[in-house]
PDB file of N, CA and C in Angstrom:
ATOM      1  N   MET A   1       0.834  -1.413   0.210  1.00  0.00           N
ATOM      2  CA  MET A   1       0.166   0.273  -0.043  1.00  0.00           C
ATOM      3  C   MET A   1       1.038   1.525  -0.150  1.00  0.00           C
ATOM      4  N   LYS A   2       0.358   2.257  -0.751  1.00  0.00           N
ATOM      5  CA  LYS A   2       1.172   3.163  -0.948  1.00  0.00           C
ATOM      6  C   LYS A   2       0.939   4.432  -0.087  1.00  0.00           C
ATOM      7  N   ARG A   3       1.651   5.030   0.577  1.00  0.00           N
ATOM      8  CA  ARG A   3       1.667   5.875   1.587  1.00  0.00           C
ATOM      9  C   ARG A   3       1.478   7.529   0.785  1.00  0.00           C
ATOM     10  N   ARG A   4       0.331   8.237   1.200  1.00  0.00           N
ATOM     11  CA  ARG A   4       0.517   9.770   1.001  1.00  0.00           C
ATOM     12  C   ARG A   4       1.451  10.460   1.928  1.00  0.00           C
ATOM     13  N   SER A   5       2.006  11.560   1.260  1.00  0.00           N
ATOM     14  CA  SER A   5       3.147  12.357   2.291  1.00  0.00           C
ATOM     15  C   SER A   5       2.068  13.801   2.868  1.00  0.00           C
ATOM     16  N   LYS A   6       2.735  13.683   3.840  1.00  0.00           N
ATOM     17  CA  LYS A   6       1.618  15.127   4.848  1.00  0.00           C
ATOM     18  C   LYS A   6       1.572  15.907   4.211  1.00  0.00           C
ATOM     19  N   THR A   7       2.227  16.431   3.202  1.00  0.00           N
ATOM     20  CA  THR A   7       1.949  17.418   2.506  1.00  0.00           C
ATOM     21  C   THR A   7       0.942  17.404   1.302  1.00  0.00           C
ATOM     22  N   ALA A   8       1.333  16.337   0.980  1.00  0.00           N
ATOM     23  CA  ALA A   8      -0.343  15.992  -0.177  1.00  0.00           C
ATOM     24  C   ALA A   8      -1.765  15.915   0.955  1.00  0.00           C
ATOM     25  N   ASN A   9      -1.438  15.384   1.957  1.00  0.00           N
ATOM     26  CA  ASN A   9      -3.010  15.198   2.908  1.00  0.00           C
ATOM     27  C   ASN A   9      -3.791  16.752   3.162  1.00  0.00           C
ATOM     28  N   LYS A  10      -2.317  17.421   3.763  1.00  0.00           N
ATOM     29  CA  LYS A  10      -2.880  18.833   4.151  1.00  0.00           C
ATOM     30  C   LYS A  10      -3.248  19.711   3.113  1.00  0.00           C
ATOM     31  N   GLY A  11      -2.709  19.646   1.979  1.00  0.00           N
ATOM     32  CA  GLY A  11      -3.241  20.304   0.915  1.00  0.00           C
ATOM     33  C   GLY A  11      -4.370  19.773   0.479  1.00  0.00           C
ATOM     34  N   ALA A  12      -4.570  18.734   0.461  1.00  0.00           N
ATOM     35  CA  ALA A  12      -6.306  17.798   0.173  1.00  0.00           C
ATOM     36  C   ALA A  12      -7.283  18.432   1.276  1.00  0.00           C
ATOM     37  N   ARG A  13      -6.573  18.065   2.126  1.00  0.00           N
ATOM     38  CA  ARG A  13      -7.680  18.511   3.237  1.00  0.00           C
ATOM     39  C   ARG A  13      -7.954  19.985   3.366  1.00  0.00           C
ATOM     40  N   SER A  14      -6.955  20.956   3.351  1.00  0.00           N
ATOM     41  CA  SER A  14      -7.177  22.632   3.560  1.00  0.00           C
ATOM     42  C   SER A  14      -7.940  23.255   2.019  1.00  0.00           C
ATOM     43  N   GLY A  15      -8.005  22.313   1.101  1.00  0.00           N
ATOM     44  CA  GLY A  15      -8.495  23.574  -0.303  1.00  0.00           C
ATOM     45  C   GLY A  15      -7.499  23.862  -1.255  1.00  0.00           C
ATOM     46  N   LEU A  16      -5.961  23.640  -0.453  1.00  0.00           N
ATOM     47  CA  LEU A  16      -5.000  24.617  -1.431  1.00  0.00           C
ATOM     48  C   LEU A  16      -4.950  24.021  -2.499  1.00  0.00           C
ATOM     49  N   LYS A  17      -4.562  24.634  -3.447  1.00  0.00           N
ATOM     50  CA  LYS A  17      -4.281  24.221  -4.710  1.00  0.00           C
ATOM     51  C   LYS A  17      -2.732  23.844  -4.499  1.00  0.00           C
ATOM     52  N   PRO A  18      -2.627  22.566  -5.185  1.00  0.00           N
ATOM     53  CA  PRO A  18      -0.981  22.177  -5.214  1.00  0.00           C
ATOM     54  C   PRO A  18      -0.061  23.118  -6.007  1.00  0.00           C
ATOM     55  N   ALA A  19       1.179  22.969  -6.278  1.00  0.00           N
ATOM     56  CA  ALA A  19       1.948  24.032  -6.761  1.00  0.00           C
ATOM     57  C   ALA A  19       2.325  23.738  -8.068  1.00  0.00           C
ATOM     58  N   LYS A  20       2.170  21.910  -8.915  1.00  0.00           N
ATOM     59  CA  LYS A  20       2.386  21.957 -10.046  1.00  0.00           C
ATOM     60  C   LYS A  20       1.242  22.207 -10.648  1.00  0.00           C
ATOM     61  N   GLN A  21       0.466  23.212 -10.930  1.00  0.00           N
ATOM     62  CA  GLN A  21      -0.620  23.113 -11.935  1.00  0.00           C
ATOM     63  C   GLN A  21       0.045  24.099 -13.120  1.00  0.00           C
ATOM     64  N   GLY A  22      -0.856  23.888 -14.151  1.00  0.00           N
ATOM     65  CA  GLY A  22      -0.457  24.872 -15.428  1.00  0.00           C
ATOM     66  C   GLY A  22      -0.686  26.541 -15.146  1.00  0.00           C
ATOM     67  N   ARG A  23      -0.066  27.015 -15.634  1.00  0.00           N
ATOM     68  CA  ARG A  23      -0.219  28.588 -15.345  1.00  0.00           C
ATOM     69  C   ARG A  23      -1.145  28.942 -16.530  1.00  0.00           C
ATOM     70  N   THR A  24      -2.295  29.108 -15.719  1.00  0.00           N
ATOM     71  CA  THR A  24      -3.104  30.007 -17.052  1.00  0.00           C
ATOM     72  C   THR A  24      -3.281  31.162 -16.536  1.00  0.00           C
ATOM     73  N   ALA A  25      -3.978  31.742 -17.546  1.00  0.00           N
ATOM     74  CA  ALA A  25      -3.739  33.352 -17.710  1.00  0.00           C
ATOM     75  C   ALA A  25      -4.180  33.792 -16.542  1.00  0.00           C
ATOM     76  N   SER A  26      -5.715  33.329 -16.182  1.00  0.00           N
ATOM     77  CA  SER A  26      -6.300  33.868 -14.844  1.00  0.00           C
ATOM     78  C   SER A  26      -5.775  33.859 -13.609  1.00  0.00           C
ATOM     79  N   GLU A  27      -4.572  32.965 -13.531  1.00  0.00           N
ATOM     80  CA  GLU A  27      -3.732  32.686 -12.233  1.00  0.00           C
ATOM     81  C   GLU A  27      -3.162  33.778 -12.267  1.00  0.00           C
ATOM     82  N   LEU A  28      -2.133  33.986 -13.556  1.00  0.00           N
ATOM     83  CA  LEU A  28      -1.168  35.015 -13.345  1.00  0.00           C
ATOM     84  C   LEU A  28      -1.337  36.175 -13.396  1.00  0.00           C
ATOM     85  N   GLU A  29      -2.990  36.424 -13.946  1.00  0.00           N
ATOM     86  CA  GLU A  29      -3.600  38.318 -14.167  1.00  0.00           C
ATOM     87  C   GLU A  29      -4.007  38.468 -12.228  1.00  0.00           C
ATOM     88  N   LYS A  30      -4.577  36.779 -11.330  1.00  0.00           N
ATOM     89  CA  LYS A  30      -4.878  37.268 -10.631  1.00  0.00           C
ATOM     90  C   LYS A  30      -3.508  38.017  -9.412  1.00  0.00           C
ATOM     91  N   MET A  31      -2.679  37.279  -9.710  1.00  0.00           N
ATOM     92  CA  MET A  31      -1.239  37.500  -9.089  1.00  0.00           C
ATOM     93  C   MET A  31      -0.666  39.117  -9.301  1.00  0.00           C
ATOM     94  N   LEU A  32      -0.417  39.009 -10.442  1.00  0.00           N
ATOM     95  CA  LEU A  32      -0.330  40.484 -11.059  1.00  0.00           C
ATOM     96  C   LEU A  32      -1.604  41.369 -10.506  1.00  0.00           C
ATOM     97  N   SER A  33      -2.926  41.356 -10.374  1.00  0.00           N
ATOM     98  CA  SER A  33      -3.392  42.419  -9.902  1.00  0.00           C
ATOM     99  C   SER A  33      -3.088  42.982  -8.209  1.00  0.00           C
ATOM    100  N   LEU A  34      -3.068  41.363  -7.729  1.00  0.00           N
ATOM    101  CA  LEU A  34      -2.577  41.540  -6.252  1.00  0.00           C
ATOM    102  C   LEU A  34      -1.142  42.329  -5.727  1.00  0.00           C
ATOM    103  N   ILE A  35      -0.836  41.779  -6.593  1.00  0.00           N
ATOM    104  CA  ILE A  35       0.652  42.822  -6.740  1.00  0.00           C
ATOM    105  C   ILE A  35       0.779  44.205  -6.730  1.00  0.00           C
ATOM    106  N   ARG A  36      -0.043  44.482  -7.976  1.00  0.00           N
ATOM    107  CA  ARG A  36      -0.297  46.016  -8.429  1.00  0.00           C
ATOM    108  C   ARG A  36      -0.957  46.650  -6.725  1.00  0.00           C
ATOM    109  N   ALA A  37      -1.922  45.755  -6.260  1.00  0.00           N
ATOM    110  CA  ALA A  37      -2.690  46.527  -5.327  1.00  0.00           C
ATOM    111  C   ALA A  37      -1.966  46.911  -4.073  1.00  0.00           C
ATOM    112  N   ARG A  38      -1.055  45.946  -3.762  1.00  0.00           N
ATOM    113  CA  ARG A  38      -0.212  45.691  -2.822  1.00  0.00           C
ATOM    114  C   ARG A  38       1.302  45.770  -2.912  1.00  0.00           C
ATOM    115  N   PRO A  39       1.595  46.696  -3.659  1.00  0.00           N
ATOM    116  CA  PRO A  39       3.358  46.928  -3.915  1.00  0.00           C
ATOM    117  C   PRO A  39       3.978  46.264  -2.748  1.00  0.00           C
ATOM    118  N   GLY A  40       5.020  45.668  -2.766  1.00  0.00           N
ATOM    119  CA  GLY A  40       6.322  45.077  -1.529  1.00  0.00           C
ATOM    120  C   GLY A  40       5.437  44.018  -0.926  1.00  0.00           C
ATOM    121  N   ILE A  41       4.867  43.084  -1.446  1.00  0.00           N
ATOM    122  CA  ILE A  41       3.712  42.124  -0.876  1.00  0.00           C
ATOM    123  C   ILE A  41       5.063  40.911  -0.676  1.00  0.00           C
ATOM    124  N   ARG A  42       4.656  40.594   0.349  1.00  0.00           N
ATOM    125  CA  ARG A  42       5.838  39.270   0.329  1.00  0.00           C
ATOM    126  C   ARG A  42       5.250  37.821  -0.105  1.00  0.00           C
ATOM    127  N   PRO A  43       5.957  37.059  -0.160  1.00  0.00           N
ATOM    128  CA  PRO A  43       5.349  35.644  -0.857  1.00  0.00           C
ATOM    129  C   PRO A  43       4.434  34.808  -0.292  1.00  0.00           C
ATOM    130  N   SER A  44       5.062  35.257   1.277  1.00  0.00           N
ATOM    131  CA  SER A  44       3.776  34.392   2.098  1.00  0.00           C
ATOM    132  C   SER A  44       2.241  34.879   2.163  1.00  0.00           C
ATOM    133  N   GLU A  45       2.458  35.943   1.920  1.00  0.00           N
ATOM    134  CA  GLU A  45       0.815  36.775   1.546  1.00  0.00           C
ATOM    135  C   GLU A  45       0.445  36.705   0.421  1.00  0.00           C
ATOM    136  N   ILE A  46       1.148  36.361  -0.725  1.00  0.00           N
ATOM    137  CA  ILE A  46       0.698  36.465  -1.748  1.00  0.00           C
ATOM    138  C   ILE A  46      -0.050  34.814  -1.953  1.00  0.00           C
ATOM    139  N   ASN A  47       0.846  33.711  -1.567  1.00  0.00           N
ATOM    140  CA  ASN A  47       0.079  32.481  -1.315  1.00  0.00           C
ATOM    141  C   ASN A  47      -1.114  32.106  -0.369  1.00  0.00           C
ATOM    142  N   ARG A  48      -1.009  33.301   1.044  1.00  0.00           N
ATOM    143  CA  ARG A  48      -2.377  33.242   1.462  1.00  0.00           C
ATOM    144  C   ARG A  48      -3.745  33.596   0.796  1.00  0.00           C
ATOM    145  N   LEU A  49      -3.080  34.786   0.100  1.00  0.00           N
ATOM    146  CA  LEU A  49      -4.564  35.733  -0.393  1.00  0.00           C
ATOM    147  C   LEU A  49      -4.793  34.919  -1.794  1.00  0.00           C
ATOM    148  N   LEU A  50      -4.163  33.845  -2.064  1.00  0.00           N
ATOM    149  CA  LEU A  50      -4.331  33.319  -3.446  1.00  0.00           C
ATOM    150  C   LEU A  50      -4.855  32.175  -2.966  1.00  0.00           C
ATOM    151  N   ASN A  51      -4.657  31.478  -1.972  1.00  0.00           N
ATOM    152  CA  ASN A  51      -5.302  30.303  -1.494  1.00  0.00           C
ATOM    153  C   ASN A  51      -4.105  28.936  -2.201  1.00  0.00           C
ATOM    154  N   ARG A  52      -2.965  29.488  -2.069  1.00  0.00           N
ATOM    155  CA  ARG A  52      -1.546  28.292  -2.932  1.00  0.00           C
ATOM    156  C   ARG A  52      -1.011  27.967  -1.633  1.00  0.00           C
ATOM    157  N   LEU A  53      -0.094  27.202  -1.986  1.00  0.00           N
ATOM    158  CA  LEU A  53       0.856  26.314  -1.066  1.00  0.00           C
ATOM    159  C   LEU A  53       2.080  27.089  -1.573  1.00  0.00           C
ATOM    160  N   GLU A  54       2.162  27.151  -2.619  1.00  0.00           N
ATOM    161  CA  GLU A  54       3.408  27.693  -3.485  1.00  0.00           C
ATOM    162  C   GLU A  54       2.936  28.580  -4.469  1.00  0.00           C
ATOM    163  N   SER A  55       3.731  29.705  -4.879  1.00  0.00           N
ATOM    164  CA  SER A  55       3.395  30.417  -6.392  1.00  0.00           C
ATOM    165  C   SER A  55       4.718  30.813  -6.623  1.00  0.00           C
ATOM    166  N   ASP A  56       5.713  29.726  -6.446  1.00  0.00           N
ATOM    167  CA  ASP A  56       7.176  30.475  -7.126  1.00  0.00           C
ATOM    168  C   ASP A  56       6.954  30.144  -8.603  1.00  0.00           C
ATOM    169  N   GLY A  57       6.584  29.369  -9.078  1.00  0.00           N
ATOM    170  CA  GLY A  57       6.036  29.186 -10.552  1.00  0.00           C
ATOM    171  C   GLY A  57       5.633  30.478 -11.431  1.00  0.00           C
ATOM    172  N   LEU A  58       4.625  30.915 -11.061  1.00  0.00           N
ATOM    173  CA  LEU A  58       3.825  32.164 -11.267  1.00  0.00           C
ATOM    174  C   LEU A  58       4.635  33.167 -10.957  1.00  0.00           C
ATOM    175  N   ARG A  59       4.890  33.387  -9.983  1.00  0.00           N
ATOM    176  CA  ARG A  59       6.016  34.525  -9.612  1.00  0.00           C
ATOM    177  C   ARG A  59       7.208  34.451 -10.856  1.00  0.00           C
ATOM    178  N   ALA A  60       7.652  33.619 -11.037  1.00  0.00           N
ATOM    179  CA  ALA A  60       9.017  33.597 -12.064  1.00  0.00           C
ATOM    180  C   ALA A  60       8.334  33.897 -13.131  1.00  0.00           C
ATOM    181  N   THR A  61       7.185  33.160 -13.650  1.00  0.00           N
ATOM    182  CA  THR A  61       6.737  33.514 -14.922  1.00  0.00           C
ATOM    183  C   THR A  61       6.373  34.993 -15.475  1.00  0.00           C
ATOM    184  N   LEU A  62       6.081  35.634 -14.458  1.00  0.00           N
ATOM    185  CA  LEU A  62       5.836  37.316 -14.076  1.00  0.00           C
ATOM    186  C   LEU A  62       6.923  37.914 -14.692  1.00  0.00           C
ATOM    187  N   ILE A  63       8.273  37.900 -13.706  1.00  0.00           N
ATOM    188  CA  ILE A  63       9.338  38.311 -13.391  1.00  0.00           C
ATOM    189  C   ILE A  63      10.119  38.167 -14.726  1.00  0.00           C
ATOM    190  N   ARG A  64       9.796  36.923 -15.651  1.00  0.00           N
ATOM    191  CA  ARG A  64      10.680  36.727 -16.678  1.00  0.00           C
ATOM    192  C   ARG A  64      10.030  37.807 -18.194  1.00  0.00           C
ATOM    193  N   ARG A  65       8.511  37.864 -17.950  1.00  0.00           N
ATOM    194  CA  ARG A  65       7.416  38.821 -18.436  1.00  0.00           C
ATOM    195  C   ARG A  65       7.674  39.836 -18.119  1.00  0.00           C
ATOM    196  N   GLY A  66       8.650  40.664 -17.346  1.00  0.00           N
ATOM    197  CA  GLY A  66       9.004  41.633 -17.205  1.00  0.00           C
ATOM    198  C   GLY A  66       7.758  42.746 -17.059  1.00  0.00           C
ATOM    199  N   LEU A  67       6.887  41.900 -15.831  1.00  0.00           N
ATOM    200  CA  LEU A  67       5.364  42.405 -14.919  1.00  0.00           C
ATOM    201  C   LEU A  67       5.917  42.832 -13.928  1.00  0.00           C
ATOM    202  N   ILE A  68       6.816  42.135 -13.078  1.00  0.00           N
ATOM    203  CA  ILE A  68       6.630  42.488 -12.352  1.00  0.00           C
ATOM    204  C   ILE A  68       8.566  42.309 -11.487  1.00  0.00           C
ATOM    205  N   ARG A  69       8.530  42.922 -10.474  1.00  0.00           N
ATOM    206  CA  ARG A  69      10.155  43.118  -9.832  1.00  0.00           C
ATOM    207  C   ARG A  69      10.401  42.170  -8.611  1.00  0.00           C
ATOM    208  N   LYS A  70      11.307  41.680  -8.245  1.00  0.00           N
ATOM    209  CA  LYS A  70      11.741  41.054  -7.061  1.00  0.00           C
ATOM    210  C   LYS A  70      12.715  41.956  -6.283  1.00  0.00           C
ATOM    211  N   GLU A  71      12.778  42.330  -5.135  1.00  0.00           N
ATOM    212  CA  GLU A  71      13.712  42.971  -4.210  1.00  0.00           C
ATOM    213  C   GLU A  71      13.606  42.342  -2.843  1.00  0.00           C
ATOM    214  N   LYS A  72      15.030  42.010  -2.855  1.00  0.00           N
ATOM    215  CA  LYS A  72      15.379  41.789  -1.261  1.00  0.00           C
ATOM    216  C   LYS A  72      15.683  43.288  -0.306  1.00  0.00           C
ATOM    217  N   ASP A  73      14.828  43.137   0.674  1.00  0.00           N
ATOM    218  CA  ASP A  73      14.433  43.582   1.975  1.00  0.00           C
ATOM    219  C   ASP A  73      15.162  43.068   3.356  1.00  0.00           C
ATOM    220  N   GLY A  74      16.375  43.040   3.009  1.00  0.00           N
ATOM    221  CA  GLY A  74      16.953  42.303   4.634  1.00  0.00           C
ATOM    222  C   GLY A  74      17.287  40.625   4.328  1.00  0.00           C
ATOM    223  N   SER A  75      16.319  40.394   5.207  1.00  0.00           N
ATOM    224  CA  SER A  75      16.088  38.957   4.497  1.00  0.00           C
ATOM    225  C   SER A  75      14.917  38.283   3.974  1.00  0.00           C
ATOM    226  N   ALA A  76      14.165  39.612   3.762  1.00  0.00           N
ATOM    227  CA  ALA A  76      12.382  39.388   3.235  1.00  0.00           C
ATOM    228  C   ALA A  76      12.947  39.474   1.898  1.00  0.00           C
ATOM    229  N   VAL A  77      12.111  39.005   1.338  1.00  0.00           N
ATOM    230  CA  VAL A  77      11.812  39.382  -0.397  1.00  0.00           C
ATOM    231  C   VAL A  77      10.379  40.024  -0.925  1.00  0.00           C
ATOM    232  N   ARG A  78      10.389  40.767  -1.839  1.00  0.00           N
ATOM    233  CA  ARG A  78       9.183  41.462  -1.698  1.00  0.00           C
ATOM    234  C   ARG A  78       9.195  41.747  -3.211  1.00  0.00           C
ATOM    235  N   TYR A  79       7.632  41.822  -3.810  1.00  0.00           N
ATOM    236  CA  TYR A  79       7.650  41.908  -5.563  1.00  0.00           C
ATOM    237  C   TYR A  79       6.981  43.228  -5.376  1.00  0.00           C
ATOM    238  N   TYR A  80       7.209  43.881  -6.331  1.00  0.00           N
ATOM    239  CA  TYR A  80       6.910  45.498  -7.083  1.00  0.00           C
ATOM    240  C   TYR A  80       5.958  44.947  -8.399  1.00  0.00           C
ATOM    241  N   PRO A  81       5.144  46.087  -8.884  1.00  0.00           N
ATOM    242  CA  PRO A  81       4.835  45.824 -10.042  1.00  0.00           C
ATOM    243  C   PRO A  81       6.013  46.937 -11.278  1.00  0.00           C
ATOM    244  N   VAL A  82       6.376  46.637 -11.974  1.00  0.00           N
ATOM    245  CA  VAL A  82       6.944  47.128 -12.785  1.00  0.00           C
ATOM    246  C   VAL A  82       6.264  48.615 -13.450  1.00  0.00           C
TER     247      VAL A  82
END
């Protein structure tokens, strides 16, 4: 019998979206509008507000497209619209 990891179970129970899903235009647009509404937002806040476990891939896509920028603030990372 195959056992599920705790992370998989936690995501399934809490209703959070898994990290490895396709980057749909609507997900990218939601994240972009969130960053525009809250400049300097931290990744943990983004994840909480979008109800996701991780959003690394979405953020990386927006950075590659030149729509947002990432800044280090001491030990914190913050995201700003371009």
